[in-house]
Every structure is written in structure tokens, then in C-alpha cells.
C-alpha atoms as a PDB file:
ATOM      1  CA  UNK A   1      68.831 111.249  40.709  1.00  0.00           C
ATOM      2  CA  UNK A   2      68.483 112.647  44.214  1.00  0.00           C
ATOM      3  CA  UNK A   3      66.997 109.302  45.261  1.00  0.00           C
ATOM      4  CA  UNK A   4      70.052 107.497  43.951  1.00  0.00           C
ATOM      5  CA  UNK A   5      72.283 109.942  45.878  1.00  0.00           C
ATOM      6  CA  UNK A   6      70.557 109.172  49.176  1.00  0.00           C
ATOM      7  CA  UNK A   7      70.841 105.449  48.441  1.00  0.00           C
ATOM      8  CA  UNK A   8      74.573 105.704  47.747  1.00  0.00           C
ATOM      9  CA  UNK A   9      75.343 107.953  50.741  1.00  0.00           C
ATOM     10  CA  UNK A  10      75.182 105.173  53.389  1.00  0.00           C
ATOM     11  CA  UNK A  11      77.243 102.942  51.115  1.00  0.00           C
ATOM     12  CA  UNK A  12      79.892 105.665  50.785  1.00  0.00           C
ATOM     13  CA  UNK A  13      79.971 106.153  54.556  1.00  0.00           C
ATOM     14  CA  UNK A  14      80.303 102.407  55.113  1.00  0.00           C
ATOM     15  CA  UNK A  15      83.051 102.224  52.521  1.00  0.00           C
ATOM     16  CA  UNK A  16      84.922 105.075  54.230  1.00  0.00           C
ATOM     17  CA  UNK A  17      84.588 103.406  57.641  1.00  0.00           C
ATOM     18  CA  UNK A  18      85.822 100.085  56.192  1.00  0.00           C
ATOM     19  CA  UNK A  19      88.738 101.789  54.434  1.00  0.00           C
ATOM     20  CA  UNK A  20      89.761 103.611  57.614  1.00  0.00           C
ATOM     21  CA  UNK A  21      89.498 100.424  59.660  1.00  0.00           C
ATOM     22  CA  UNK A  22      91.498  98.478  57.082  1.00  0.00           C
ATOM     23  CA  UNK A  23      94.163 101.202  57.068  1.00  0.00           C
ATOM     24  CA  UNK A  24      94.327 101.201  60.866  1.00  0.00           C
ATOM     25  CA  UNK A  25      94.482  97.393  60.944  1.00  0.00           C
ATOM     26  CA  UNK A  26      97.220  97.392  58.341  1.00  0.00           C
ATOM     27  CA  UNK A  27      99.149 100.053  60.265  1.00  0.00           C
ATOM     28  CA  UNK A  28      98.884  98.038  63.466  1.00  0.00           C
ATOM     29  CA  UNK A  29      99.875  94.871  61.621  1.00  0.00           C
ATOM     30  CA  UNK A  30     102.968  96.553  60.227  1.00  0.00           C
ATOM     31  CA  UNK A  31     103.782  97.990  63.663  1.00  0.00           C
ATOM     32  CA  UNK A  32     103.257  94.607  65.283  1.00  0.00           C
ATOM     33  CA  UNK A  33     105.421  92.940  62.670  1.00  0.00           C
ATOM     34  CA  UNK A  34     108.201  95.422  63.386  1.00  0.00           C
ATOM     35  CA  UNK A  35     107.871  94.793  67.118  1.00  0.00           C
ATOM     36  CA  UNK A  36     107.962  91.047  66.609  1.00  0.00           C
ATOM     37  CA  UNK A  37     111.032  91.447  64.444  1.00  0.00           C
ATOM     38  CA  UNK A  38     112.714  93.593  67.109  1.00  0.00           C
ATOM     39  CA  UNK A  39     111.849  91.085  69.816  1.00  0.00           C
ATOM     40  CA  UNK A  40     113.219  88.322  67.663  1.00  0.00           C
ATOM     41  CA  UNK A  41     116.405  90.280  67.238  1.00  0.00           C
ATOM     42  CA  UNK A  42     116.665  90.856  70.989  1.00  0.00           C
ATOM     43  CA  UNK A  43     116.108  87.186  71.810  1.00  0.00           C
ATOM     44  CA  UNK A  44     118.668  86.288  69.181  1.00  0.00           C
ATOM     45  CA  UNK A  45     121.248  88.453  70.915  1.00  0.00           C
ATOM     46  CA  UNK A  46     120.455  86.756  74.220  1.00  0.00           C
ATOM     47  CA  UNK A  47     120.841  83.288  72.722  1.00  0.00           C
ATOM     48  CA  UNK A  48     124.142  84.316  71.146  1.00  0.00           C
ATOM     49  CA  UNK A  49     125.347  85.560  74.540  1.00  0.00           C
ATOM     50  CA  UNK A  50     125.360  89.211  73.510  1.00  0.00           C
ATOM     51  CA  UNK A  51     123.383  90.611  76.458  1.00  0.00           C
ATOM     52  CA  UNK A  52     124.477  94.229  75.913  1.00  0.00           C
ATOM     53  CA  UNK A  53     122.994  94.334  72.427  1.00  0.00           C
ATOM     54  CA  UNK A  54     119.913  92.459  73.631  1.00  0.00           C
ATOM     55  CA  UNK A  55     119.386  94.988  76.406  1.00  0.00           C
ATOM     56  CA  UNK A  56     119.709  97.908  73.971  1.00  0.00           C
ATOM     57  CA  UNK A  57     117.068  96.459  71.663  1.00  0.00           C
ATOM     58  CA  UNK A  58     114.586  95.312  74.286  1.00  0.00           C
ATOM     59  CA  UNK A  59     114.815  98.420  76.462  1.00  0.00           C
ATOM     60  CA  UNK A  60     114.040 100.686  73.484  1.00  0.00           C
ATOM     61  CA  UNK A  61     110.844  98.736  72.859  1.00  0.00           C
ATOM     62  CA  UNK A  62     109.372  99.947  76.148  1.00  0.00           C
ATOM     63  CA  UNK A  63     108.930 103.376  74.581  1.00  0.00           C
ATOM     64  CA  UNK A  64     107.314 101.879  71.465  1.00  0.00           C
ATOM     65  CA  UNK A  65     104.692  99.575  72.929  1.00  0.00           C
ATOM     66  CA  UNK A  66     103.213  99.999  76.430  1.00  0.00           C
ATOM     67  CA  UNK A  67     102.103  96.372  76.370  1.00  0.00           C
ATOM     68  CA  UNK A  68     105.731  95.297  76.636  1.00  0.00           C
ATOM     69  CA  UNK A  69     106.203  96.781  80.135  1.00  0.00           C
ATOM     70  CA  UNK A  70     105.287  93.620  82.027  1.00  0.00           C
ATOM     71  CA  UNK A  71     107.617  91.621  79.803  1.00  0.00           C
ATOM     72  CA  UNK A  72     110.398  94.060  80.592  1.00  0.00           C
ATOM     73  CA  UNK A  73     109.728  93.747  84.312  1.00  0.00           C
ATOM     74  CA  UNK A  74     110.265  90.021  83.916  1.00  0.00           C
ATOM     75  CA  UNK A  75     113.374  90.664  81.831  1.00  0.00           C
ATOM     76  CA  UNK A  76     114.845  92.911  84.521  1.00  0.00           C
ATOM     77  CA  UNK A  77     114.158  90.291  87.188  1.00  0.00           C
ATOM     78  CA  UNK A  78     115.877  87.696  85.008  1.00  0.00           C
ATOM     79  CA  UNK A  79     118.965  89.889  84.712  1.00  0.00           C
ATOM     80  CA  UNK A  80     119.046  90.348  88.503  1.00  0.00           C
ATOM     81  CA  UNK A  81     118.757  86.613  89.181  1.00  0.00           C
ATOM     82  CA  UNK A  82     121.629  85.996  86.777  1.00  0.00           C
ATOM     83  CA  UNK A  83     123.746  88.506  88.692  1.00  0.00           C
ATOM     84  CA  UNK A  84     123.633  91.091  85.886  1.00  0.00           C
ATOM     85  CA  UNK A  85     122.432  93.797  88.247  1.00  0.00           C
ATOM     86  CA  UNK A  86     123.600  96.745  86.127  1.00  0.00           C
ATOM     87  CA  UNK A  87     121.354  95.609  83.284  1.00  0.00           C
ATOM     88  CA  UNK A  88     118.447  95.020  85.663  1.00  0.00           C
ATOM     89  CA  UNK A  89     118.819  98.563  87.022  1.00  0.00           C
ATOM     90  CA  UNK A  90     118.904  99.966  83.508  1.00  0.00           C
ATOM     91  CA  UNK A  91     115.744  98.139  82.463  1.00  0.00           C
ATOM     92  CA  UNK A  92     113.755  99.131  85.552  1.00  0.00           C
ATOM     93  CA  UNK A  93     114.889 102.752  85.432  1.00  0.00           C
ATOM     94  CA  UNK A  94     113.825 102.937  81.803  1.00  0.00           C
ATOM     95  CA  UNK A  95     110.358 101.660  82.711  1.00  0.00           C
ATOM     96  CA  UNK A  96     109.963 104.192  85.550  1.00  0.00           C
ATOM     97  CA  UNK A  97     110.986 107.011  83.188  1.00  0.00           C
ATOM     98  CA  UNK A  98     107.992 106.352  80.923  1.00  0.00           C
ATOM     99  CA  UNK A  99     105.517 109.210  81.003  1.00  0.00           C
ATOM    100  CA  UNK A 100     102.432 107.196  80.065  1.00  0.00           C
ATOM    101  CA  UNK A 101     102.679 104.389  82.581  1.00  0.00           C
ATOM    102  CA  UNK A 102     100.025 103.225  85.009  1.00  0.00           C
ATOM    103  CA  UNK A 103     100.686 103.799  88.703  1.00  0.00           C
ATOM    104  CA  UNK A 104     100.527 100.051  89.391  1.00  0.00           C
ATOM    105  CA  UNK A 105     103.245  99.264  86.841  1.00  0.00           C
ATOM    106  CA  UNK A 106     105.419 102.181  87.971  1.00  0.00           C
ATOM    107  CA  UNK A 107     105.153 101.037  91.606  1.00  0.00           C
ATOM    108  CA  UNK A 108     106.072  97.495  90.576  1.00  0.00           C
ATOM    109  CA  UNK A 109     109.090  98.815  88.685  1.00  0.00           C
ATOM    110  CA  UNK A 110     110.133 100.869  91.749  1.00  0.00           C
ATOM    111  CA  UNK A 111     109.971  97.758  93.927  1.00  0.00           C
ATOM    112  CA  UNK A 112     112.068  95.835  91.401  1.00  0.00           C
ATOM    113  CA  UNK A 113     114.586  98.684  91.293  1.00  0.00           C
ATOM    114  CA  UNK A 114     114.820  98.553  95.091  1.00  0.00           C
ATOM    115  CA  UNK A 115     115.599  94.852  94.821  1.00  0.00           C
ATOM    116  CA  UNK A 116     118.250  95.642  92.226  1.00  0.00           C
ATOM    117  CA  UNK A 117     119.931  98.178  94.531  1.00  0.00           C
ATOM    118  CA  UNK A 118     119.833  95.690  97.408  1.00  0.00           C
ATOM    119  CA  UNK A 119     121.383  92.976  95.249  1.00  0.00           C
ATOM    120  CA  UNK A 120     124.092  95.404  94.118  1.00  0.00           C
ATOM    121  CA  UNK A 121     124.919  96.396  97.700  1.00  0.00           C
ATOM    122  CA  UNK A 122     123.719  99.969  97.117  1.00  0.00           C
ATOM    123  CA  UNK A 123     122.050 100.038 100.509  1.00  0.00           C
ATOM    124  CA  UNK A 124     121.481 103.806 100.756  1.00  0.00           C
ATOM    125  CA  UNK A 125     119.568 103.883  97.474  1.00  0.00           C
ATOM    126  CA  UNK A 126     117.669 100.704  98.311  1.00  0.00           C
ATOM    127  CA  UNK A 127     116.675 102.020 101.740  1.00  0.00           C
ATOM    128  CA  UNK A 128     115.437 105.328 100.342  1.00  0.00           C
ATOM    129  CA  UNK A 129     113.311 103.663  97.659  1.00  0.00           C
ATOM    130  CA  UNK A 130     111.869 100.988  99.933  1.00  0.00           C
ATOM    131  CA  UNK A 131     111.089 103.527 102.665  1.00  0.00           C
ATOM    132  CA  UNK A 132     109.238 105.637 100.088  1.00  0.00           C
ATOM    133  CA  UNK A 133     107.107 102.629  99.159  1.00  0.00           C
ATOM    134  CA  UNK A 134     106.291 102.046 102.828  1.00  0.00           C
ATOM    135  CA  UNK A 135     105.347 105.673 103.390  1.00  0.00           C
ATOM    136  CA  UNK A 136     103.061 105.542 100.373  1.00  0.00           C
ATOM    137  CA  UNK A 137     101.557 102.236 101.555  1.00  0.00           C
ATOM    138  CA  UNK A 138     102.634 100.503  98.365  1.00  0.00           C
ATOM    139  CA  UNK A 139     103.869  96.893  98.297  1.00  0.00           C
ATOM    140  CA  UNK A 140     104.163  97.029 102.093  1.00  0.00           C
ATOM    141  CA  UNK A 141     104.857  93.301 102.792  1.00  0.00           C
ATOM    142  CA  UNK A 142     107.559  93.031 100.117  1.00  0.00           C
ATOM    143  CA  UNK A 143     109.184  96.383 100.937  1.00  0.00           C
ATOM    144  CA  UNK A 144     109.186  95.509 104.656  1.00  0.00           C
ATOM    145  CA  UNK A 145     110.903  92.169 104.099  1.00  0.00           C
ATOM    146  CA  UNK A 146     113.561  93.732 101.907  1.00  0.00           C
ATOM    147  CA  UNK A 147     114.203  96.473 104.452  1.00  0.00           C
ATOM    148  CA  UNK A 148     114.625  93.866 107.191  1.00  0.00           C
ATOM    149  CA  UNK A 149     117.141  92.071 104.978  1.00  0.00           C
ATOM    150  CA  UNK A 150     118.955  95.354 104.372  1.00  0.00           C
ATOM    151  CA  UNK A 151     119.133  96.311 108.065  1.00  0.00           C
ATOM    152  CA  UNK A 152     120.226  92.777 108.937  1.00  0.00           C
ATOM    153  CA  UNK A 153     123.155  93.040 106.529  1.00  0.00           C
ATOM    154  CA  UNK A 154     124.084  96.433 107.964  1.00  0.00           C
ATOM    155  CA  UNK A 155     123.649  95.105 111.527  1.00  0.00           C
ATOM    156  CA  UNK A 156     121.140  97.859 112.263  1.00  0.00           C
ATOM    157  CA  UNK A 157     119.308  95.624 114.725  1.00  0.00           C
ATOM    158  CA  UNK A 158     116.920  98.207 116.180  1.00  0.00           C
ATOM    159  CA  UNK A 159     115.746  99.251 112.726  1.00  0.00           C
ATOM    160  CA  UNK A 160     115.432  95.605 111.729  1.00  0.00           C
ATOM    161  CA  UNK A 161     113.248  94.931 114.779  1.00  0.00           C
ATOM    162  CA  UNK A 162     111.059  97.957 114.090  1.00  0.00           C
ATOM    163  CA  UNK A 163     110.301  96.845 110.534  1.00  0.00           C
ATOM    164  CA  UNK A 164     110.220  93.097 111.245  1.00  0.00           C
ATOM    165  CA  UNK A 165     107.580  93.494 113.946  1.00  0.00           C
ATOM    166  CA  UNK A 166     105.213  94.759 111.250  1.00  0.00           C
ATOM    167  CA  UNK A 167     105.864  91.645 109.187  1.00  0.00           C
ATOM    168  CA  UNK A 168     105.079  89.278 112.069  1.00  0.00           C
ATOM    169  CA  UNK A 169     101.436  90.344 112.043  1.00  0.00           C
ATOM    170  CA  UNK A 170     100.839  87.888 109.208  1.00  0.00           C
ATOM    171  CA  UNK A 171     103.992  85.782 109.534  1.00  0.00           C
ATOM    172  CA  UNK A 172     104.814  82.634 111.448  1.00  0.00           C
ATOM    173  CA  UNK A 173     107.279  81.382 114.003  1.00  0.00           C
ATOM    174  CA  UNK A 174     110.257  81.868 111.716  1.00  0.00           C
ATOM    175  CA  UNK A 175     109.910  85.652 111.927  1.00  0.00           C
ATOM    176  CA  UNK A 176     109.460  85.565 115.694  1.00  0.00           C
ATOM    177  CA  UNK A 177     112.646  83.520 115.924  1.00  0.00           C
ATOM    178  CA  UNK A 178     114.437  86.025 113.713  1.00  0.00           C
ATOM    179  CA  UNK A 179     113.368  89.016 115.815  1.00  0.00           C
ATOM    180  CA  UNK A 180     114.443  87.180 118.982  1.00  0.00           C
ATOM    181  CA  UNK A 181     117.931  86.851 117.483  1.00  0.00           C
ATOM    182  CA  UNK A 182     117.954  90.584 116.738  1.00  0.00           C
ATOM    183  CA  UNK A 183     117.296  91.243 120.427  1.00  0.00           C
ATOM    184  CA  UNK A 184     120.106  88.827 121.295  1.00  0.00           C
ATOM    185  CA  UNK A 185     122.450  90.715 118.966  1.00  0.00           C
ATOM    186  CA  UNK A 186     121.691  93.852 120.965  1.00  0.00           C
ATOM    187  CA  UNK A 187     122.200  91.857 124.155  1.00  0.00           C
ATOM    188  CA  UNK A 188     125.616  90.639 122.996  1.00  0.00           C
ATOM    189  CA  UNK A 189     126.649  94.217 122.263  1.00  0.00           C
ATOM    190  CA  UNK A 190     125.529  95.272 125.750  1.00  0.00           C
ATOM    191  CA  UNK A 191     127.472  92.367 127.255  1.00  0.00           C
ATOM    192  CA  UNK A 192     130.626  93.432 125.431  1.00  0.00           C
ATOM    193  CA  UNK A 193     130.194  96.870 126.977  1.00  0.00           C
ATOM    194  CA  UNK A 194     129.623  95.268 130.414  1.00  0.00           C
ATOM    195  CA  UNK A 195     126.154  96.769 130.503  1.00  0.00           C
ATOM    196  CA  UNK A 196     124.686  93.711 132.202  1.00  0.00           C
ATOM    197  CA  UNK A 197     121.258  95.163 132.940  1.00  0.00           C
ATOM    198  CA  UNK A 198     120.763  96.037 129.282  1.00  0.00           C
ATOM    199  CA  UNK A 199     121.969  92.577 128.214  1.00  0.00           C
ATOM    200  CA  UNK A 200     119.460  90.880 130.537  1.00  0.00           C
ATOM    201  CA  UNK A 201     116.701  93.180 129.268  1.00  0.00           C
ATOM    202  CA  UNK A 202     117.410  92.277 125.641  1.00  0.00           C
ATOM    203  CA  UNK A 203     117.534  88.557 126.439  1.00  0.00           C
ATOM    204  CA  UNK A 204     114.184  88.794 128.183  1.00  0.00           C
ATOM    205  CA  UNK A 205     112.727  90.680 125.211  1.00  0.00           C
ATOM    206  CA  UNK A 206     113.978  87.858 123.004  1.00  0.00           C
ATOM    207  CA  UNK A 207     112.233  85.229 125.146  1.00  0.00           C
ATOM    208  CA  UNK A 208     109.051  87.305 125.202  1.00  0.00           C
ATOM    209  CA  UNK A 209     109.137  87.347 121.416  1.00  0.00           C
ATOM    210  CA  UNK A 210     110.036  83.673 120.968  1.00  0.00           C
ATOM    211  CA  UNK A 211     109.958  81.415 124.025  1.00  0.00           C
ATOM    212  CA  UNK A 212     112.032  78.784 122.243  1.00  0.00           C
ATOM    213  CA  UNK A 213     115.029  81.053 121.703  1.00  0.00           C
ATOM    214  CA  UNK A 214     117.956  78.984 123.021  1.00  0.00           C
ATOM    215  CA  UNK A 215     120.379  81.801 122.398  1.00  0.00           C
ATOM    216  CA  UNK A 216     118.541  84.070 124.851  1.00  0.00           C
ATOM    217  CA  UNK A 217     119.038  81.621 127.716  1.00  0.00           C
ATOM    218  CA  UNK A 218     122.682  81.143 126.784  1.00  0.00           C
ATOM    219  CA  UNK A 219     123.032  84.924 126.908  1.00  0.00           C
ATOM    220  CA  UNK A 220     121.299  85.107 130.307  1.00  0.00           C
ATOM    221  CA  UNK A 221     123.550  82.374 131.670  1.00  0.00           C
ATOM    222  CA  UNK A 222     126.643  84.182 130.435  1.00  0.00           C
ATOM    223  CA  UNK A 223     125.549  87.486 131.962  1.00  0.00           C
ATOM    224  CA  UNK A 224     124.735  85.930 135.340  1.00  0.00           C
ATOM    225  CA  UNK A 225     128.016  84.037 135.293  1.00  0.00           C
ATOM    226  CA  UNK A 226     129.903  87.300 134.690  1.00  0.00           C
ATOM    227  CA  UNK A 227     128.044  88.866 137.602  1.00  0.00           C
ATOM    228  CA  UNK A 228     128.845  85.949 139.919  1.00  0.00           C
ATOM    229  CA  UNK A 229     125.178  84.893 140.144  1.00  0.00           C
ATOM    230  CA  UNK A 230     126.037  81.243 139.551  1.00  0.00           C
ATOM    231  CA  UNK A 231     122.747  79.696 140.674  1.00  0.00           C
ATOM    232  CA  UNK A 232     120.812  81.954 138.299  1.00  0.00           C
ATOM    233  CA  UNK A 233     123.312  81.126 135.559  1.00  0.00           C
ATOM    234  CA  UNK A 234     122.747  77.380 136.083  1.00  0.00           C
ATOM    235  CA  UNK A 235     118.977  77.894 135.833  1.00  0.00           C
ATOM    236  CA  UNK A 236     119.393  79.708 132.539  1.00  0.00           C
ATOM    237  CA  UNK A 237     121.793  77.118 131.133  1.00  0.00           C
ATOM    238  CA  UNK A 238     119.545  74.240 132.196  1.00  0.00           C
ATOM    239  CA  UNK A 239     116.657  75.857 130.324  1.00  0.00           C
ATOM    240  CA  UNK A 240     118.643  75.267 127.140  1.00  0.00           C
ATOM    241  CA  UNK A 241     118.234  71.502 127.532  1.00  0.00           C
ATOM    242  CA  UNK A 242     114.465  71.804 127.810  1.00  0.00           C
ATOM    243  CA  UNK A 243     114.359  74.052 124.748  1.00  0.00           C
ATOM    244  CA  UNK A 244     116.649  72.002 122.516  1.00  0.00           C
ATOM    245  CA  UNK A 245     118.389  68.914 123.876  1.00  0.00           C
ATOM    246  CA  UNK A 246     120.764  68.762 120.894  1.00  0.00           C
ATOM    247  CA  UNK A 247     122.348  72.023 122.060  1.00  0.00           C
ATOM    248  CA  UNK A 248     122.653  71.074 125.742  1.00  0.00           C
ATOM    249  CA  UNK A 249     126.257  70.082 125.147  1.00  0.00           C
ATOM    250  CA  UNK A 250     127.063  73.712 124.427  1.00  0.00           C
ATOM    251  CA  UNK A 251     126.449  74.722 128.056  1.00  0.00           C
ATOM    252  CA  UNK A 252     127.606  71.688 130.076  1.00  0.00           C
ATOM    253  CA  UNK A 253     131.067  73.098 130.709  1.00  0.00           C
ATOM    254  CA  UNK A 254     129.540  76.363 131.911  1.00  0.00           C
ATOM    255  CA  UNK A 255     127.169  74.491 134.229  1.00  0.00           C
ATOM    256  CA  UNK A 256     130.064  72.535 135.711  1.00  0.00           C
ATOM    257  CA  UNK A 257     132.059  75.725 136.197  1.00  0.00           C
ATOM    258  CA  UNK A 258     129.144  77.413 137.966  1.00  0.00           C
ATOM    259  CA  UNK A 259     128.625  74.372 140.178  1.00  0.00           C
ATOM    260  CA  UNK A 260     132.319  74.408 141.074  1.00  0.00           C
ATOM    261  CA  UNK A 261     131.983  78.038 142.118  1.00  0.00           C
ATOM    262  CA  UNK A 262     129.020  77.144 144.330  1.00  0.00           C
ATOM    263  CA  UNK A 263     130.130  73.974 146.058  1.00  0.00           C
ATOM    264  CA  UNK A 264     133.705  73.232 145.028  1.00  0.00           C
ATOM    265  CA  UNK A 265     132.777  70.607 142.410  1.00  0.00           C
ATOM    266  CA  UNK A 266     131.431  68.080 144.940  1.00  0.00           C
ATOM    267  CA  UNK A 267     131.167  64.512 143.743  1.00  0.00           C
ATOM    268  CA  UNK A 268     127.460  64.446 144.377  1.00  0.00           C
ATOM    269  CA  UNK A 269     126.897  67.314 141.954  1.00  0.00           C
ATOM    270  CA  UNK A 270     125.244  64.958 139.468  1.00  0.00           C
ATOM    271  CA  UNK A 271     121.958  66.641 140.393  1.00  0.00           C
ATOM    272  CA  UNK A 272     122.970  69.314 137.887  1.00  0.00           C
ATOM    273  CA  UNK A 273     122.247  66.919 135.085  1.00  0.00           C
ATOM    274  CA  UNK A 274     119.071  65.569 136.622  1.00  0.00           C
ATOM    275  CA  UNK A 275     117.417  68.990 136.342  1.00  0.00           C
ATOM    276  CA  UNK A 276     117.130  68.923 132.575  1.00  0.00           C
ATOM    277  CA  UNK A 277     120.641  68.243 131.388  1.00  0.00           C
ATOM    278  CA  UNK A 278     120.459  64.638 132.598  1.00  0.00           C
ATOM    279  CA  UNK A 279     120.280  62.228 129.725  1.00  0.00           C
ATOM    280  CA  UNK A 280     122.345  64.420 127.453  1.00  0.00           C
ATOM    281  CA  UNK A 281     125.708  63.058 128.599  1.00  0.00           C
ATOM    282  CA  UNK A 282     125.522  60.174 126.163  1.00  0.00           C
ATOM    283  CA  UNK A 283     124.558  62.669 123.488  1.00  0.00           C
ATOM    284  CA  UNK A 284     127.539  64.857 124.384  1.00  0.00           C
ATOM    285  CA  UNK A 285     129.875  61.880 124.111  1.00  0.00           C
ATOM    286  CA  UNK A 286     128.406  61.131 120.698  1.00  0.00           C
ATOM    287  CA  UNK A 287     128.758  64.587 119.210  1.00  0.00           C
ATOM    288  CA  UNK A 288     131.661  65.481 116.999  1.00  0.00           C
ATOM    289  CA  UNK A 289     133.279  68.892 116.870  1.00  0.00           C
ATOM    290  CA  UNK A 290     131.361  69.586 113.658  1.00  0.00           C
ATOM    291  CA  UNK A 291     128.163  71.459 112.883  1.00  0.00           C
ATOM    292  CA  UNK A 292     125.941  71.588 109.832  1.00  0.00           C
ATOM    293  CA  UNK A 293     123.132  73.797 108.586  1.00  0.00           C
ATOM    294  CA  UNK A 294     119.841  71.964 108.207  1.00  0.00           C
ATOM    295  CA  UNK A 295     118.794  74.339 105.428  1.00  0.00           C
ATOM    296  CA  UNK A 296     121.801  74.521 103.077  1.00  0.00           C
ATOM    297  CA  UNK A 297     124.294  71.972 104.416  1.00  0.00           C
ATOM    298  CA  UNK A 298     126.952  74.536 105.353  1.00  0.00           C
ATOM    299  CA  UNK A 299     129.589  72.820 107.511  1.00  0.00           C
ATOM    300  CA  UNK A 300     131.341  74.574 110.397  1.00  0.00           C
ATOM    301  CA  UNK A 301     133.698  73.766 113.235  1.00  0.00           C
ATOM    302  CA  UNK A 302     131.729  75.868 115.740  1.00  0.00           C
ATOM    303  CA  UNK A 303     128.155  76.846 116.437  1.00  0.00           C
ATOM    304  CA  UNK A 304     126.813  79.853 114.544  1.00  0.00           C
ATOM    305  CA  UNK A 305     123.456  81.322 115.459  1.00  0.00           C
ATOM    306  CA  UNK A 306     123.076  82.486 111.866  1.00  0.00           C
ATOM    307  CA  UNK A 307     124.263  80.301 109.012  1.00  0.00           C
ATOM    308  CA  UNK A 308     127.078  82.062 107.072  1.00  0.00           C
ATOM    309  CA  UNK A 309     125.931  80.193 103.974  1.00  0.00           C
ATOM    310  CA  UNK A 310     122.189  80.785 103.655  1.00  0.00           C
ATOM    311  CA  UNK A 311     121.731  83.428 106.393  1.00  0.00           C
ATOM    312  CA  UNK A 312     119.045  81.367 108.137  1.00  0.00           C
ATOM    313  CA  UNK A 313     118.752  81.720 111.921  1.00  0.00           C
ATOM    314  CA  UNK A 314     118.941  78.717 114.297  1.00  0.00           C
ATOM    315  CA  UNK A 315     119.547  76.322 111.410  1.00  0.00           C
ATOM    316  CA  UNK A 316     123.043  75.087 112.386  1.00  0.00           C
ATOM    317  CA  UNK A 317     123.030  71.963 114.553  1.00  0.00           C
ATOM    318  CA  UNK A 318     125.724  69.664 116.010  1.00  0.00           C
ATOM    319  CA  UNK A 319     126.549  66.627 113.916  1.00  0.00           C
ATOM    320  CA  UNK A 320     126.337  63.378 115.901  1.00  0.00           C
ATOM    321  CA  UNK A 321     129.007  60.797 115.167  1.00  0.00           C
ATOM    322  CA  UNK A 322     126.327  58.241 114.366  1.00  0.00           C
ATOM    323  CA  UNK A 323     125.029  60.486 111.581  1.00  0.00           C
ATOM    324  CA  UNK A 324     128.466  61.503 110.385  1.00  0.00           C
ATOM    325  CA  UNK A 325     129.695  57.955 109.877  1.00  0.00           C
END
């Protein structure tokens, strides 16, 4: 009898293990079925254009199943792209509030919440969150770019430069061009205050950052013209033609004015054009009063250094009549 007992003991243990595993599997299956049902309900609300109810259902699921966090991150991003920023903020805050959440997922949710605040125009909250990520060395490239965007919108040019210069370590010419414009913004402010030395300094910083910055030479020409240094102004304006011939028309009137100040508009002053502006006269005669952004197609009646439509720098160009017809 004792022999039979020892034979049955392993079988009893195996049966108990199988029963426990079956019970656990069944419990998980029931739980999964409930989750699937809840997700189905949430998606149904979305399809029926009832986003409030959908948000209520889907957000509650974060507390039920940790595996849904990444899906909720995507859901929050979807809300933000659709312009439903309040819902995006709610989703991402709910994720961050989870107690049992990995650091990587919490940091991702914090970055997404910073994007939400930026999209909503809550710049103080966005700045605080993004600065925290930078200080903690988390998502540095993304947080830096968003901070630059924030400071650009607030016209905090010095702060924008400070952050943007970090980005340029692994970025291309577009970022150098952007930073050069930030220096020019500071230069324009100095010019308005008649602080000519500061304006020249900022223009030179812009050219040091991006040698192809047309705006910096236009700024230098304007400053020198205000100071009565007409020869230096002509040199700066002529540099525009060598940088971008399509924008030479923008400075021809200024060159002629400076030449008039120097020699009384002598008839033989055609040498002005031969020094880099020559050859653009035909182009000037063929340019309409219109401008268009190469990136988004925004049309304007004057030259903007930054497109009001897509916010790109140096993307607005004159429209030639031959292209406009």
C-alpha cells in the first residue's frame, strides 16, 4: 500500500500543477477576453465619432494591462495630430501617473506630454518639462528641437541659439541657416535701437555660422548705409548677388542710392553692376512683385525671411514672370 502511495504522489503533484496552470490560463483568457471586449468598445466609440467615450474606455485600460501603454502612447499622439490636444494631454498624464511603469516608457510619455503642451500653446509647462528631460539627459535630440521651436515662437532668440547650437553637432546646413537667422533677428533688434556696433556683430556671427546667409549681408549693408559708410554698404549689398542671384533685385535700389551718395549718380556708374550685380538687370526686369515659398507654396507680396505658412527659413523666393505665366 505504501508502494502505491509513492507511485501516486508524483501523479498527484503533476495533476495539481496542471490544474493550477489551467486555472491561471483560464483566468488570463477571461481577462484577455475582457480587455479585447473593452478595446472593441473603445474603437467602436472612435468609429462612431464619440471620442470622449472612447477616451474614457481606453484610458482606464492603462491601469488594467501594462502591455497597453505603448498603444496608449500611440493613441495620445493620434489625438494630438488630430488637434484634440486636451485628450492627448489626458492620455499621457494618465500613463505617467502609473506606479508600475518602466522608466523608458515614463520618459517617453513625458516627452509626448511636452509635445502636447507645445501644441496647445502652454509654453511655460512645455519649457519646464523639456528642460527637465535635458537636465536628466533623456531624449536630448527631440527635447532640444522642441525647445528651439518653443523659443522661436516666443522670439527668445538667445535661448534658441543656445539650444540650437547643441543640435547642429549632428545636424546639417538647414540648422546652421536657422541659427544664422536667429543672429540676424538679434541684429535687427539692435538696428532698431540704433546700436550699430551690436547689429554688425550679430550679422558677422550669422555669417560665421552660415556663410551663405543673404540676410546677414543685407543687414550689414543697411547698417553701413545708416552710418554713412556707403562704400562698405555697396560691398555688403554686392555680396548678396554672389550668394543668391535671385535675390539681387532686393538690393539694387540700395546700391544705386549708395552710389548716388558717393559720386552723384554718374552715368558711368554701371561698374556697380559689373562687380557681382551685373547680369541681374534682365532678371530684375523679369521679376514680378510676388514671392512664393518653395516648401509650402505660400504666396506673398513681399519678401519674408521666414515663411508665415510653414515657418521655414530662407524658403521664400521671387516669382519670375516667365514662371508665373
